[in-house]
Protein backbone atom coordinates (compact mmCIF):
# COMPACT_ATOMS: atom_id res chain seq x y z
CA ALA A 1 262.15 45.17 -121.09
CA PRO A 2 265.37 44.16 -119.24
CA ALA A 3 265.22 40.71 -120.91
CA TYR A 4 265.95 42.13 -124.37
CA LEU A 5 269.71 42.28 -123.84
CA ALA A 6 272.10 41.00 -126.52
CA ALA A 7 275.80 40.15 -126.65
CA ALA A 8 276.33 42.85 -129.30
CA ASP A 9 274.42 45.04 -131.72
CA GLY A 10 272.98 42.99 -134.55
CA ARG A 11 273.04 39.77 -132.50
CA PRO A 12 269.84 38.02 -131.38
CA ASN A 13 268.63 39.26 -128.02
CA ALA A 14 267.92 36.99 -125.06
CA VAL A 15 264.17 37.01 -125.73
CA ALA A 16 264.81 35.69 -129.26
CA HIS A 17 266.92 32.89 -127.76
CA CYS A 18 264.19 32.13 -125.21
CA LEU A 19 261.61 31.93 -128.00
CA ALA A 20 263.84 29.53 -129.95
CA GLY A 21 264.12 27.41 -126.80
CA VAL A 22 260.35 27.44 -126.31
CA GLU A 23 259.85 26.29 -129.90
CA GLN A 24 262.28 23.41 -129.35
CA LEU A 25 260.52 22.40 -126.12
CA VAL A 26 257.03 22.57 -127.65
CA SER A 27 258.17 20.36 -130.53
CA ALA A 28 259.92 17.85 -128.29
CA LEU A 29 257.15 17.60 -125.69
CA SER A 30 254.38 17.44 -128.28
CA ASP A 31 256.19 14.49 -129.89
CA THR A 32 256.11 12.66 -126.53
CA ARG A 33 252.38 13.33 -126.10
CA ASP A 34 253.03 15.20 -122.84
CA ALA A 35 250.49 17.88 -121.98
CA VAL A 36 252.08 21.20 -122.87
CA GLY A 37 250.86 24.71 -122.12
CA LEU A 38 252.30 28.11 -122.80
CA ALA A 39 252.58 31.34 -120.83
CA ALA A 40 254.50 34.57 -121.23
CA PHE A 41 255.04 37.67 -119.13
CA GLY A 42 255.76 41.11 -120.47
CA ARG A 43 253.74 43.33 -122.74
CA GLU A 44 250.69 41.40 -121.57
CA LEU A 45 250.15 38.04 -119.95
CA CYS A 46 249.55 35.16 -122.33
CA PHE A 47 248.31 31.79 -121.10
CA ARG A 48 247.21 28.60 -122.83
CA ALA A 49 246.42 25.69 -120.50
CA PRO A 50 248.32 22.42 -120.96
CA GLY A 51 246.82 20.02 -123.44
CA VAL A 52 247.63 17.44 -126.08
CA GLY A 53 246.69 16.73 -129.66
CA THR A 54 247.14 18.27 -133.06
CA ASP A 55 244.62 21.08 -132.55
CA HIS A 56 246.24 22.06 -129.25
CA GLU A 57 249.72 22.05 -130.76
CA THR A 58 248.48 24.19 -133.67
CA ALA A 59 247.04 26.68 -131.17
CA LEU A 60 250.41 26.86 -129.36
CA TRP A 61 252.25 27.55 -132.63
CA GLN A 62 249.65 30.20 -133.50
CA LEU A 63 250.21 31.94 -130.16
CA LEU A 64 253.98 31.85 -130.61
CA ALA A 65 253.64 33.38 -134.07
CA THR A 66 251.10 36.09 -133.32
CA HIS A 67 250.74 37.01 -129.65
CA PRO A 68 252.47 40.29 -128.66
CA ALA A 69 253.96 38.63 -125.56
CA PHE A 70 256.16 36.56 -127.89
CA ASP A 71 257.55 39.50 -129.85
CA ALA A 72 261.36 39.35 -129.92
CA THR A 73 261.55 43.07 -130.76
CA PRO A 74 262.20 45.24 -127.70
CA PRO A 75 259.49 47.74 -126.76
CA GLY A 76 260.11 51.08 -128.48
CA HIS A 77 261.97 49.58 -131.44
CA VAL A 78 260.74 49.22 -134.98
CA ARG A 79 259.67 45.65 -135.76
CA ALA A 80 260.35 43.83 -139.00
CA ASP A 81 256.73 44.43 -140.06
CA GLY A 82 257.29 48.19 -139.78
CA GLY A 83 255.23 48.61 -136.63
CA SER A 84 256.57 49.80 -133.31
CA GLU A 85 255.63 49.72 -129.70
CA GLU A 86 256.11 52.87 -127.70
CA ARG A 87 256.20 51.34 -124.24
CA GLU A 88 255.84 48.16 -122.23
CA THR A 89 252.05 47.89 -121.98
CA GLY A 90 251.59 44.96 -119.64
CA ALA A 91 250.91 44.92 -115.94
CA ASP A 92 253.89 44.40 -113.70
CA LEU A 93 255.48 40.97 -113.45
CA GLY A 94 254.19 40.30 -109.94
CA GLU A 95 250.60 40.92 -110.99
CA GLN A 96 251.01 38.74 -114.08
CA ALA A 97 252.54 35.94 -111.98
CA THR A 98 249.60 36.09 -109.56
CA VAL A 99 247.14 35.68 -112.43
CA LEU A 100 249.20 32.82 -113.89
CA ARG A 101 249.31 30.95 -110.55
CA LYS A 102 245.50 31.04 -110.43
CA HIS A 103 245.39 29.25 -113.81
CA LEU A 104 247.94 26.53 -113.00
CA GLY A 105 246.84 23.13 -111.76
CA ASN A 106 248.39 21.88 -108.52
CA ASP A 107 250.56 19.34 -110.34
CA THR A 108 251.62 21.63 -113.20
CA GLN A 109 255.36 21.62 -113.81
CA VAL A 110 256.77 24.95 -114.93
CA VAL A 111 259.76 25.56 -117.17
CA VAL A 112 260.83 29.20 -117.25
CA LEU A 113 263.03 30.49 -120.06
CA SER A 114 264.64 33.77 -119.02
CA PRO A 115 268.00 35.51 -119.23
CA LEU A 116 267.51 36.40 -115.55
CA ALA A 117 268.16 40.04 -116.37
CA ASP A 118 266.53 41.43 -113.23
CA GLU A 119 265.39 40.51 -109.72
CA ALA A 120 261.69 40.51 -110.61
CA ILE A 121 261.92 37.25 -112.57
CA VAL A 122 263.90 35.63 -109.74
CA GLU A 123 261.11 36.50 -107.30
CA THR A 124 258.52 35.21 -109.74
CA VAL A 125 260.32 31.87 -110.06
CA ARG A 126 260.69 31.60 -106.28
CA THR A 127 256.96 32.31 -105.90
CA LEU A 128 256.02 29.59 -108.41
CA ALA A 129 258.29 27.09 -106.66
CA ALA A 130 256.99 28.08 -103.22
CA ALA A 131 253.42 27.51 -104.47
CA GLY A 132 254.37 23.86 -104.98
CA HIS A 133 255.05 23.84 -108.72
CA THR A 134 258.09 21.88 -109.82
CA THR A 135 259.92 24.76 -111.47
CA THR A 136 263.02 24.67 -113.67
CA VAL A 137 264.77 27.66 -115.23
CA ILE A 138 266.56 27.59 -118.58
CA SER A 139 268.62 30.75 -118.89
CA PRO A 140 270.33 31.74 -122.14
CA ASP A 141 273.59 33.54 -121.40
CA VAL A 142 274.09 36.50 -123.73
CA THR A 143 276.41 38.38 -121.38
CA THR A 144 279.97 39.29 -122.33
CA ASP A 145 282.96 40.79 -120.57
CA GLU A 146 283.93 43.40 -123.14
CA SER A 147 283.10 46.44 -121.00
CA LEU A 148 282.69 47.22 -117.33
CA GLY A 149 278.90 47.41 -117.71
CA GLN A 150 278.80 44.06 -119.50
CA ARG A 151 280.97 42.45 -116.82
CA LEU A 152 278.62 43.82 -114.17
CA ALA A 153 275.56 42.43 -115.99
CA SER A 154 277.29 39.04 -116.22
CA ARG A 155 278.14 39.08 -112.50
CA GLU A 156 274.57 40.05 -111.55
CA ARG A 157 273.22 37.20 -113.68
CA THR A 158 275.61 34.76 -111.99
CA MET A 159 274.35 35.91 -108.59
CA ARG A 160 270.74 35.35 -109.72
CA LEU A 161 271.61 31.83 -110.90
CA ARG A 162 273.14 31.11 -107.49
CA ALA A 163 270.16 32.58 -105.64
CA LEU A 164 267.76 30.29 -107.50
CA ARG A 165 269.97 27.24 -107.02
CA GLY A 166 270.23 28.17 -103.35
CA ALA A 167 266.42 28.06 -103.23
CA ASP A 168 266.57 24.51 -104.71
CA VAL A 169 265.32 25.64 -108.13
CA PRO A 170 267.13 23.75 -110.90
CA VAL A 171 268.75 26.18 -113.33
CA VAL A 172 270.18 25.28 -116.72
CA ASP A 173 272.83 27.84 -117.74
CA TRP A 174 272.46 27.75 -121.52
CA ASP A 175 275.02 28.99 -124.04
CA PRO A 176 272.69 29.71 -127.00
CA GLY A 177 275.49 28.66 -129.37
CA THR A 178 274.75 25.08 -128.29
CA PRO A 179 271.42 23.48 -129.25
CA LEU A 180 269.11 23.39 -126.24
CA GLY A 181 268.48 19.64 -126.64
CA THR A 182 272.21 18.94 -126.28
CA VAL A 183 272.42 21.15 -123.18
CA LEU A 184 269.42 19.42 -121.57
CA LEU A 185 270.83 15.95 -122.31
CA ASP A 186 274.16 16.91 -120.78
CA GLU A 187 272.39 18.41 -117.75
CA GLY A 188 270.32 15.23 -117.31
CA ARG A 189 273.42 13.04 -117.47
CA ARG A 190 275.17 15.26 -114.92
CA ARG A 191 272.23 15.05 -112.49
CA TRP A 192 271.84 11.28 -112.82
CA SER A 193 275.56 10.66 -112.29
CA ALA A 194 275.77 12.93 -109.21
């Protein structure tokens, strides 16, 4: 639930930005014939093992379109289809991460898209990295500085970015106003030139 923050009312929330990023990554990686899987935490754990091919890619798109874990509507709000969800129904993040780790192969690389809105996701990322998975975080920044509360949320997010970087987890700080592909290219250039 904390991930559904938005810069302002009527603006896309961070989960919507994460989903847009996932769609871009699935498209790009499928075009390169890399094995791609999909997982989500939240209402319930969703997992599809990495694979390749047209049928696998179709299954990923189907999950993104239909699985409740990929719903960009916050729990308790009315969805576009008129339905609503009264509460967050999934197990806690730690339990979901434990189940996910059991499904991941030893050499599986993990890309986490998250606004880093709470400490639970930071601990989950650290756990994945500590288990030996090459883990990268892409974090859409929807924070603003228009009120004291918003400035505090922005500062807390900055501290979470630093904590992950301090644990040697690469973090891409993404302004969702910039296409993700452009941000990743710029990040790659910066790392190679350092």
